[in-house]
Amino acid sequence: DRLRYYAPLTEAFLARADVKAFVKAWAG
């Protein structure tokens, strides 16, 4: 019952091809 603020995943991590592939496959 509270808002929790966290630092984001790093740009370098999100730019990785295997991260993008994982997220796309998971969404699929």
Full PDB file with SEQRES, HELIX, SHEET, SSBOND, CRYST1, ORIGX, SCALE, CONECT and MASTER records, all heavy atoms in Angstrom:
SEQRES   1 A   28  ASP ARG LEU ARG TYR TYR ALA PRO LEU THR GLU ALA PHE          
SEQRES   2 A   28  LEU ALA ARG ALA ASP VAL LYS ALA PHE VAL LYS ALA TRP          
SEQRES   3 A   28  ALA GLY                                                      
HELIX    1 AA1 GLU A   11  LEU A   14  1                                   4    
HELIX    2 AA2 ALA A   17  ALA A   27  1                                  11    
CRYST1    1.000    1.000    1.000  90.00  90.00  90.00 P 1           1          
ORIGX1      1.000000  0.000000  0.000000        0.00000                         
ORIGX2      0.000000  1.000000  0.000000        0.00000                         
ORIGX3      0.000000  0.000000  1.000000        0.00000                         
SCALE1      1.000000  0.000000  0.000000        0.00000                         
SCALE2      0.000000  1.000000  0.000000        0.00000                         
SCALE3      0.000000  0.000000  1.000000        0.00000                         
ATOM      1  N   ASP A   1       0.808  -1.220   0.000  1.00  0.00           N  
ATOM      2  CA  ASP A   1       0.000   0.000   0.000  1.00  0.00           C  
ATOM      3  C   ASP A   1       0.843   1.273   0.000  1.00  0.00           C  
ATOM      4  O   ASP A   1       0.489   2.282   0.618  1.00  0.00           O  
ATOM      5  CB  ASP A   1      -0.953   0.012   1.205  1.00  0.00           C  
ATOM      6  CG  ASP A   1      -1.975  -1.110   1.134  1.00  0.00           C  
ATOM      7  OD1 ASP A   1      -2.543  -1.330   0.049  1.00  0.00           O  
ATOM      8  OD2 ASP A   1      -2.206  -1.772   2.163  1.00  0.00           O  
ATOM      9  N   ARG A   2       1.953   1.221  -0.719  1.00  0.00           N  
ATOM     10  CA  ARG A   2       2.778   2.418  -0.844  1.00  0.00           C  
ATOM     11  C   ARG A   2       3.436   2.416  -2.208  1.00  0.00           C  
ATOM     12  O   ARG A   2       3.611   1.369  -2.838  1.00  0.00           O  
ATOM     13  CB  ARG A   2       3.826   2.478   0.265  1.00  0.00           C  
ATOM     14  CG  ARG A   2       4.828   1.331   0.229  1.00  0.00           C  
ATOM     15  CD  ARG A   2       5.718   1.308   1.468  1.00  0.00           C  
ATOM     16  NE  ARG A   2       6.498   2.533   1.591  1.00  0.00           N  
ATOM     17  CZ  ARG A   2       7.338   2.756   2.598  1.00  0.00           C  
ATOM     18  NH1 ARG A   2       7.489   1.853   3.558  1.00  0.00           N  
ATOM     19  NH2 ARG A   2       8.027   3.873   2.651  1.00  0.00           N  
ATOM     20  N   LEU A   3       3.804   3.597  -2.671  1.00  0.00           N  
ATOM     21  CA  LEU A   3       4.535   3.711  -3.934  1.00  0.00           C  
ATOM     22  C   LEU A   3       6.013   3.457  -3.652  1.00  0.00           C  
ATOM     23  O   LEU A   3       6.578   4.004  -2.702  1.00  0.00           O  
ATOM     24  CB  LEU A   3       4.346   5.094  -4.543  1.00  0.00           C  
ATOM     25  CG  LEU A   3       2.907   5.480  -4.884  1.00  0.00           C  
ATOM     26  CD1 LEU A   3       2.867   6.873  -5.513  1.00  0.00           C  
ATOM     27  CD2 LEU A   3       2.271   4.463  -5.814  1.00  0.00           C  
ATOM     28  N   ARG A   4       6.627   2.629  -4.495  1.00  0.00           N  
ATOM     29  CA  ARG A   4       8.041   2.315  -4.322  1.00  0.00           C  
ATOM     30  C   ARG A   4       8.801   2.712  -5.586  1.00  0.00           C  
ATOM     31  O   ARG A   4       8.452   2.297  -6.694  1.00  0.00           O  
ATOM     32  CB  ARG A   4       8.226   0.828  -4.026  1.00  0.00           C  
ATOM     33  CG  ARG A   4       7.734   0.438  -2.645  1.00  0.00           C  
ATOM     34  CD  ARG A   4       8.028  -1.015  -2.359  1.00  0.00           C  
ATOM     35  NE  ARG A   4       7.053  -1.911  -2.968  1.00  0.00           N  
ATOM     36  CZ  ARG A   4       7.299  -3.165  -3.318  1.00  0.00           C  
ATOM     37  NH1 ARG A   4       8.506  -3.670  -3.186  1.00  0.00           N  
ATOM     38  NH2 ARG A   4       6.353  -3.911  -3.823  1.00  0.00           N  
ATOM     39  N   TYR A   5       9.826   3.504  -5.399  1.00  0.00           N  
ATOM     40  CA  TYR A   5      10.618   4.032  -6.510  1.00  0.00           C  
ATOM     41  C   TYR A   5      11.991   3.372  -6.522  1.00  0.00           C  
ATOM     42  O   TYR A   5      12.669   3.305  -5.501  1.00  0.00           O  
ATOM     43  CB  TYR A   5      10.782   5.548  -6.360  1.00  0.00           C  
ATOM     44  CG  TYR A   5       9.478   6.310  -6.400  1.00  0.00           C  
ATOM     45  CD1 TYR A   5       8.697   6.455  -5.256  1.00  0.00           C  
ATOM     46  CD2 TYR A   5       9.015   6.879  -7.588  1.00  0.00           C  
ATOM     47  CE1 TYR A   5       7.500   7.146  -5.296  1.00  0.00           C  
ATOM     48  CE2 TYR A   5       7.819   7.578  -7.633  1.00  0.00           C  
ATOM     49  CZ  TYR A   5       7.065   7.706  -6.479  1.00  0.00           C  
ATOM     50  OH  TYR A   5       5.869   8.394  -6.512  1.00  0.00           O  
ATOM     51  N   TYR A   6      12.387   2.892  -7.705  1.00  0.00           N  
ATOM     52  CA  TYR A   6      13.666   2.208  -7.845  1.00  0.00           C  
ATOM     53  C   TYR A   6      14.434   2.761  -9.039  1.00  0.00           C  
ATOM     54  O   TYR A   6      13.833   3.274 -10.011  1.00  0.00           O  
ATOM     55  CB  TYR A   6      13.452   0.707  -8.050  1.00  0.00           C  
ATOM     56  CG  TYR A   6      12.810   0.010  -6.882  1.00  0.00           C  
ATOM     57  CD1 TYR A   6      11.446  -0.261  -6.869  1.00  0.00           C  
ATOM     58  CD2 TYR A   6      13.561  -0.378  -5.773  1.00  0.00           C  
ATOM     59  CE1 TYR A   6      10.845  -0.901  -5.794  1.00  0.00           C  
ATOM     60  CE2 TYR A   6      12.982  -1.023  -4.696  1.00  0.00           C  
ATOM     61  CZ  TYR A   6      11.616  -1.281  -4.706  1.00  0.00           C  
ATOM     62  OH  TYR A   6      11.030  -1.901  -3.639  1.00  0.00           O  
ATOM     63  N   ALA A   7      15.733   2.617  -9.001  1.00  0.00           N  
ATOM     64  CA  ALA A   7      16.559   2.968 -10.157  1.00  0.00           C  
ATOM     65  C   ALA A   7      16.217   2.041 -11.319  1.00  0.00           C  
ATOM     66  O   ALA A   7      15.903   0.867 -11.122  1.00  0.00           O  
ATOM     67  CB  ALA A   7      18.037   2.844  -9.795  1.00  0.00           C  
ATOM     68  N   PRO A   8      16.265   2.558 -12.553  1.00  0.00           N  
ATOM     69  CA  PRO A   8      15.922   1.722 -13.710  1.00  0.00           C  
ATOM     70  C   PRO A   8      17.023   0.751 -14.070  1.00  0.00           C  
ATOM     71  O   PRO A   8      18.185   0.906 -13.667  1.00  0.00           O  
ATOM     72  CB  PRO A   8      15.732   2.759 -14.824  1.00  0.00           C  
ATOM     73  CG  PRO A   8      16.655   3.879 -14.445  1.00  0.00           C  
ATOM     74  CD  PRO A   8      16.612   3.941 -12.932  1.00  0.00           C  
ATOM     75  N   LEU A   9      16.659  -0.269 -14.833  1.00  0.00           N  
ATOM     76  CA  LEU A   9      17.665  -1.115 -15.455  1.00  0.00           C  
ATOM     77  C   LEU A   9      18.551  -0.242 -16.334  1.00  0.00           C  
ATOM     78  O   LEU A   9      18.080   0.726 -16.943  1.00  0.00           O  
ATOM     79  CB  LEU A   9      16.997  -2.206 -16.291  1.00  0.00           C  
ATOM     80  CG  LEU A   9      16.075  -3.159 -15.520  1.00  0.00           C  
ATOM     81  CD1 LEU A   9      15.327  -4.063 -16.487  1.00  0.00           C  
ATOM     82  CD2 LEU A   9      16.865  -3.985 -14.515  1.00  0.00           C  
ATOM     83  N   THR A  10      19.819  -0.570 -16.428  1.00  0.00           N  
ATOM     84  CA  THR A  10      20.750   0.302 -17.143  1.00  0.00           C  
ATOM     85  C   THR A  10      20.479   0.285 -18.652  1.00  0.00           C  
ATOM     86  O   THR A  10      19.975  -0.706 -19.197  1.00  0.00           O  
ATOM     87  CB  THR A  10      22.203  -0.113 -16.890  1.00  0.00           C  
ATOM     88  OG1 THR A  10      22.424  -1.403 -17.463  1.00  0.00           O  
ATOM     89  CG2 THR A  10      22.511  -0.154 -15.394  1.00  0.00           C  
ATOM     90  N   GLU A  11      20.823   1.366 -19.292  1.00  0.00           N  
ATOM     91  CA  GLU A  11      20.665   1.455 -20.750  1.00  0.00           C  
ATOM     92  C   GLU A  11      21.480   0.369 -21.441  1.00  0.00           C  
ATOM     93  O   GLU A  11      21.027  -0.212 -22.434  1.00  0.00           O  
ATOM     94  CB  GLU A  11      21.092   2.840 -21.246  1.00  0.00           C  
ATOM     95  CG  GLU A  11      20.164   3.972 -20.813  1.00  0.00           C  
ATOM     96  CD  GLU A  11      20.585   5.307 -21.397  1.00  0.00           C  
ATOM     97  OE1 GLU A  11      21.527   5.312 -22.238  1.00  0.00           O  
ATOM     98  OE2 GLU A  11      20.005   6.329 -21.030  1.00  0.00           O  
ATOM     99  N   ALA A  12      22.663   0.096 -20.919  1.00  0.00           N  
ATOM    100  CA  ALA A  12      23.518  -0.928 -21.539  1.00  0.00           C  
ATOM    101  C   ALA A  12      22.856  -2.299 -21.465  1.00  0.00           C  
ATOM    102  O   ALA A  12      22.913  -3.082 -22.423  1.00  0.00           O  
ATOM    103  CB  ALA A  12      24.882  -0.952 -20.859  1.00  0.00           C  
ATOM    104  N   PHE A  13      22.236  -2.602 -20.334  1.00  0.00           N  
ATOM    105  CA  PHE A  13      21.567  -3.893 -20.196  1.00  0.00           C  
ATOM    106  C   PHE A  13      20.374  -3.978 -21.144  1.00  0.00           C  
ATOM    107  O   PHE A  13      20.205  -4.977 -21.860  1.00  0.00           O  
ATOM    108  CB  PHE A  13      21.124  -4.096 -18.751  1.00  0.00           C  
ATOM    109  CG  PHE A  13      20.420  -5.404 -18.510  1.00  0.00           C  
ATOM    110  CD1 PHE A  13      21.131  -6.592 -18.454  1.00  0.00           C  
ATOM    111  CD2 PHE A  13      19.038  -5.447 -18.338  1.00  0.00           C  
ATOM    112  CE1 PHE A  13      20.486  -7.808 -18.233  1.00  0.00           C  
ATOM    113  CE2 PHE A  13      18.380  -6.645 -18.114  1.00  0.00           C  
ATOM    114  CZ  PHE A  13      19.107  -7.828 -18.065  1.00  0.00           C  
ATOM    115  N   LEU A  14      19.543  -2.959 -21.178  1.00  0.00           N  
ATOM    116  CA  LEU A  14      18.346  -2.996 -22.027  1.00  0.00           C  
ATOM    117  C   LEU A  14      18.692  -2.977 -23.513  1.00  0.00           C  
ATOM    118  O   LEU A  14      17.879  -3.397 -24.341  1.00  0.00           O  
ATOM    119  CB  LEU A  14      17.433  -1.814 -21.694  1.00  0.00           C  
ATOM    120  CG  LEU A  14      16.756  -1.866 -20.320  1.00  0.00           C  
ATOM    121  CD1 LEU A  14      15.908  -0.611 -20.112  1.00  0.00           C  
ATOM    122  CD2 LEU A  14      15.893  -3.115 -20.187  1.00  0.00           C  
ATOM    123  N   ALA A  15      19.884  -2.513 -23.848  1.00  0.00           N  
ATOM    124  CA  ALA A  15      20.296  -2.475 -25.249  1.00  0.00           C  
ATOM    125  C   ALA A  15      20.806  -3.822 -25.748  1.00  0.00           C  
ATOM    126  O   ALA A  15      20.972  -4.015 -26.965  1.00  0.00           O  
ATOM    127  CB  ALA A  15      21.378  -1.415 -25.450  1.00  0.00           C  
ATOM    128  N   ARG A  16      21.038  -4.763 -24.850  1.00  0.00           N  
ATOM    129  CA  ARG A  16      21.561  -6.062 -25.249  1.00  0.00           C  
ATOM    130  C   ARG A  16      20.553  -6.803 -26.142  1.00  0.00           C  
ATOM    131  O   ARG A  16      19.344  -6.832 -25.859  1.00  0.00           O  
ATOM    132  CB  ARG A  16      21.870  -6.911 -24.023  1.00  0.00           C  
ATOM    133  CG  ARG A  16      23.027  -6.414 -23.173  1.00  0.00           C  
ATOM    134  CD  ARG A  16      23.360  -7.438 -22.072  1.00  0.00           C  
ATOM    135  NE  ARG A  16      23.595  -8.752 -22.639  1.00  0.00           N  
ATOM    136  CZ  ARG A  16      24.758  -9.168 -23.134  1.00  0.00           C  
ATOM    137  NH1 ARG A  16      25.803  -8.355 -23.135  1.00  0.00           N  
ATOM    138  NH2 ARG A  16      24.883 -10.384 -23.634  1.00  0.00           N  
ATOM    139  N   ALA A  17      21.059  -7.445 -27.177  1.00  0.00           N  
ATOM    140  CA  ALA A  17      20.188  -8.188 -28.092  1.00  0.00           C  
ATOM    141  C   ALA A  17      19.489  -9.337 -27.386  1.00  0.00           C  
ATOM    142  O   ALA A  17      18.319  -9.631 -27.663  1.00  0.00           O  
ATOM    143  CB  ALA A  17      21.000  -8.701 -29.283  1.00  0.00           C  
ATOM    144  N   ASP A  18      20.201 -10.009 -26.448  1.00  0.00           N  
ATOM    145  CA  ASP A  18      19.563 -11.146 -25.787  1.00  0.00           C  
ATOM    146  C   ASP A  18      18.509 -10.710 -24.769  1.00  0.00           C  
ATOM    147  O   ASP A  18      17.566 -11.456 -24.484  1.00  0.00           O  
ATOM    148  CB  ASP A  18      20.595 -12.077 -25.151  1.00  0.00           C  
ATOM    149  CG  ASP A  18      21.522 -11.408 -24.159  1.00  0.00           C  
ATOM    150  OD1 ASP A  18      21.459 -10.172 -23.997  1.00  0.00           O  
ATOM    151  OD2 ASP A  18      22.332 -12.126 -23.527  1.00  0.00           O  
ATOM    152  N   VAL A  19      18.638  -9.496 -24.236  1.00  0.00           N  
ATOM    153  CA  VAL A  19      17.600  -8.958 -23.355  1.00  0.00           C  
ATOM    154  C   VAL A  19      16.352  -8.640 -24.170  1.00  0.00           C  
ATOM    155  O   VAL A  19      15.226  -8.994 -23.785  1.00  0.00           O  
ATOM    156  CB  VAL A  19      18.103  -7.713 -22.603  1.00  0.00           C  
ATOM    157  CG1 VAL A  19      16.969  -7.044 -21.830  1.00  0.00           C  
ATOM    158  CG2 VAL A  19      19.241  -8.082 -21.662  1.00  0.00           C  
ATOM    159  N   LYS A  20      16.534  -7.977 -25.306  1.00  0.00           N  
ATOM    160  CA  LYS A  20      15.390  -7.661 -26.164  1.00  0.00           C  
ATOM    161  C   LYS A  20      14.704  -8.938 -26.649  1.00  0.00           C  
ATOM    162  O   LYS A  20      13.468  -9.018 -26.682  1.00  0.00           O  
ATOM    163  CB  LYS A  20      15.852  -6.825 -27.359  1.00  0.00           C  
ATOM    164  CG  LYS A  20      16.344  -5.434 -26.979  1.00  0.00           C  
ATOM    165  CD  LYS A  20      16.797  -4.668 -28.213  1.00  0.00           C  
ATOM    166  CE  LYS A  20      17.287  -3.283 -27.859  1.00  0.00           C  
ATOM    167  NZ  LYS A  20      17.744  -2.532 -29.060  1.00  0.00           N  
ATOM    168  N   ALA A  21      15.495  -9.942 -27.008  1.00  0.00           N  
ATOM    169  CA  ALA A  21      14.915 -11.203 -27.489  1.00  0.00           C  
ATOM    170  C   ALA A  21      14.131 -11.891 -26.378  1.00  0.00           C  
ATOM    171  O   ALA A  21      13.052 -12.456 -26.620  1.00  0.00           O  
ATOM    172  CB  ALA A  21      16.016 -12.121 -28.018  1.00  0.00           C  
ATOM    173  N   PHE A  22      14.656 -11.858 -25.163  1.00  0.00           N  
ATOM    174  CA  PHE A  22      13.964 -12.475 -24.027  1.00  0.00           C  
ATOM    175  C   PHE A  22      12.622 -11.789 -23.784  1.00  0.00           C  
ATOM    176  O   PHE A  22      11.593 -12.455 -23.611  1.00  0.00           O  
ATOM    177  CB  PHE A  22      14.848 -12.394 -22.785  1.00  0.00           C  
ATOM    178  CG  PHE A  22      14.200 -12.897 -21.524  1.00  0.00           C  
ATOM    179  CD1 PHE A  22      14.189 -14.254 -21.218  1.00  0.00           C  
ATOM    180  CD2 PHE A  22      13.599 -12.015 -20.634  1.00  0.00           C  
ATOM    181  CE1 PHE A  22      13.583 -14.721 -20.053  1.00  0.00           C  
ATOM    182  CE2 PHE A  22      12.990 -12.467 -19.469  1.00  0.00           C  
ATOM    183  CZ  PHE A  22      12.985 -13.824 -19.186  1.00  0.00           C  
ATOM    184  N   VAL A  23      12.625 -10.462 -23.744  1.00  0.00           N  
ATOM    185  CA  VAL A  23      11.391  -9.726 -23.482  1.00  0.00           C  
ATOM    186  C   VAL A  23      10.372  -9.959 -24.592  1.00  0.00           C  
ATOM    187  O   VAL A  23       9.180 -10.171 -24.330  1.00  0.00           O  
ATOM    188  CB  VAL A  23      11.686  -8.221 -23.312  1.00  0.00           C  
ATOM    189  CG1 VAL A  23      10.387  -7.413 -23.210  1.00  0.00           C  
ATOM    190  CG2 VAL A  23      12.549  -7.981 -22.075  1.00  0.00           C  
ATOM    191  N   LYS A  24      10.824  -9.944 -25.840  1.00  0.00           N  
ATOM    192  CA  LYS A  24       9.905 -10.176 -26.961  1.00  0.00           C  
ATOM    193  C   LYS A  24       9.332 -11.583 -26.923  1.00  0.00           C  
ATOM    194  O   LYS A  24       8.130 -11.786 -27.145  1.00  0.00           O  
ATOM    195  CB  LYS A  24      10.628  -9.922 -28.284  1.00  0.00           C  
ATOM    196  CG  LYS A  24      10.928  -8.450 -28.549  1.00  0.00           C  
ATOM    197  CD  LYS A  24      11.866  -8.261 -29.727  1.00  0.00           C  
ATOM    198  CE  LYS A  24      11.288  -8.762 -31.018  1.00  0.00           C  
ATOM    199  NZ  LYS A  24      12.182  -8.490 -32.164  1.00  0.00           N  
ATOM    200  N   ALA A  25      10.176 -12.580 -26.631  1.00  0.00           N  
ATOM    201  CA  ALA A  25       9.686 -13.957 -26.559  1.00  0.00           C  
ATOM    202  C   ALA A  25       8.738 -14.133 -25.383  1.00  0.00           C  
ATOM    203  O   ALA A  25       7.741 -14.856 -25.476  1.00  0.00           O  
ATOM    204  CB  ALA A  25      10.863 -14.927 -26.454  1.00  0.00           C  
ATOM    205  N   TRP A  26       9.036 -13.472 -24.269  1.00  0.00           N  
ATOM    206  CA  TRP A  26       8.166 -13.563 -23.104  1.00  0.00           C  
ATOM    207  C   TRP A  26       6.802 -12.923 -23.408  1.00  0.00           C  
ATOM    208  O   TRP A  26       5.760 -13.503 -23.083  1.00  0.00           O  
ATOM    209  CB  TRP A  26       8.820 -12.882 -21.904  1.00  0.00           C  
ATOM    210  CG  TRP A  26       8.032 -13.050 -20.638  1.00  0.00           C  
ATOM    211  CD1 TRP A  26       8.100 -14.103 -19.771  1.00  0.00           C  
ATOM    212  CD2 TRP A  26       7.052 -12.163 -20.117  1.00  0.00           C  
ATOM    213  NE1 TRP A  26       7.209 -13.917 -18.729  1.00  0.00           N  
ATOM    214  CE2 TRP A  26       6.556 -12.738 -18.918  1.00  0.00           C  
ATOM    215  CE3 TRP A  26       6.542 -10.932 -20.536  1.00  0.00           C  
ATOM    216  CZ2 TRP A  26       5.574 -12.118 -18.142  1.00  0.00           C  
ATOM    217  CZ3 TRP A  26       5.560 -10.316 -19.768  1.00  0.00           C  
ATOM    218  CH2 TRP A  26       5.083 -10.919 -18.582  1.00  0.00           C  
ATOM    219  N   ALA A  27       6.819 -11.758 -24.028  1.00  0.00           N  
ATOM    220  CA  ALA A  27       5.556 -11.106 -24.393  1.00  0.00           C  
ATOM    221  C   ALA A  27       4.767 -11.959 -25.375  1.00  0.00           C  
ATOM    222  O   ALA A  27       3.536 -12.054 -25.296  1.00  0.00           O  
ATOM    223  CB  ALA A  27       5.839  -9.726 -24.995  1.00  0.00           C  
ATOM    224  N   GLY A  28       5.469 -12.612 -26.294  1.00  0.00           N  
ATOM    225  CA  GLY A  28       4.795 -13.490 -27.240  1.00  0.00           C  
ATOM    226  C   GLY A  28       4.176 -14.699 -26.575  1.00  0.00           C  
ATOM    227  O   GLY A  28       3.085 -15.144 -26.942  1.00  0.00           O  
TER     228      GLY A  28                                                      
MASTER        0    0    0    2    0    0    0    6  227    1    0    3          
END                                                                             
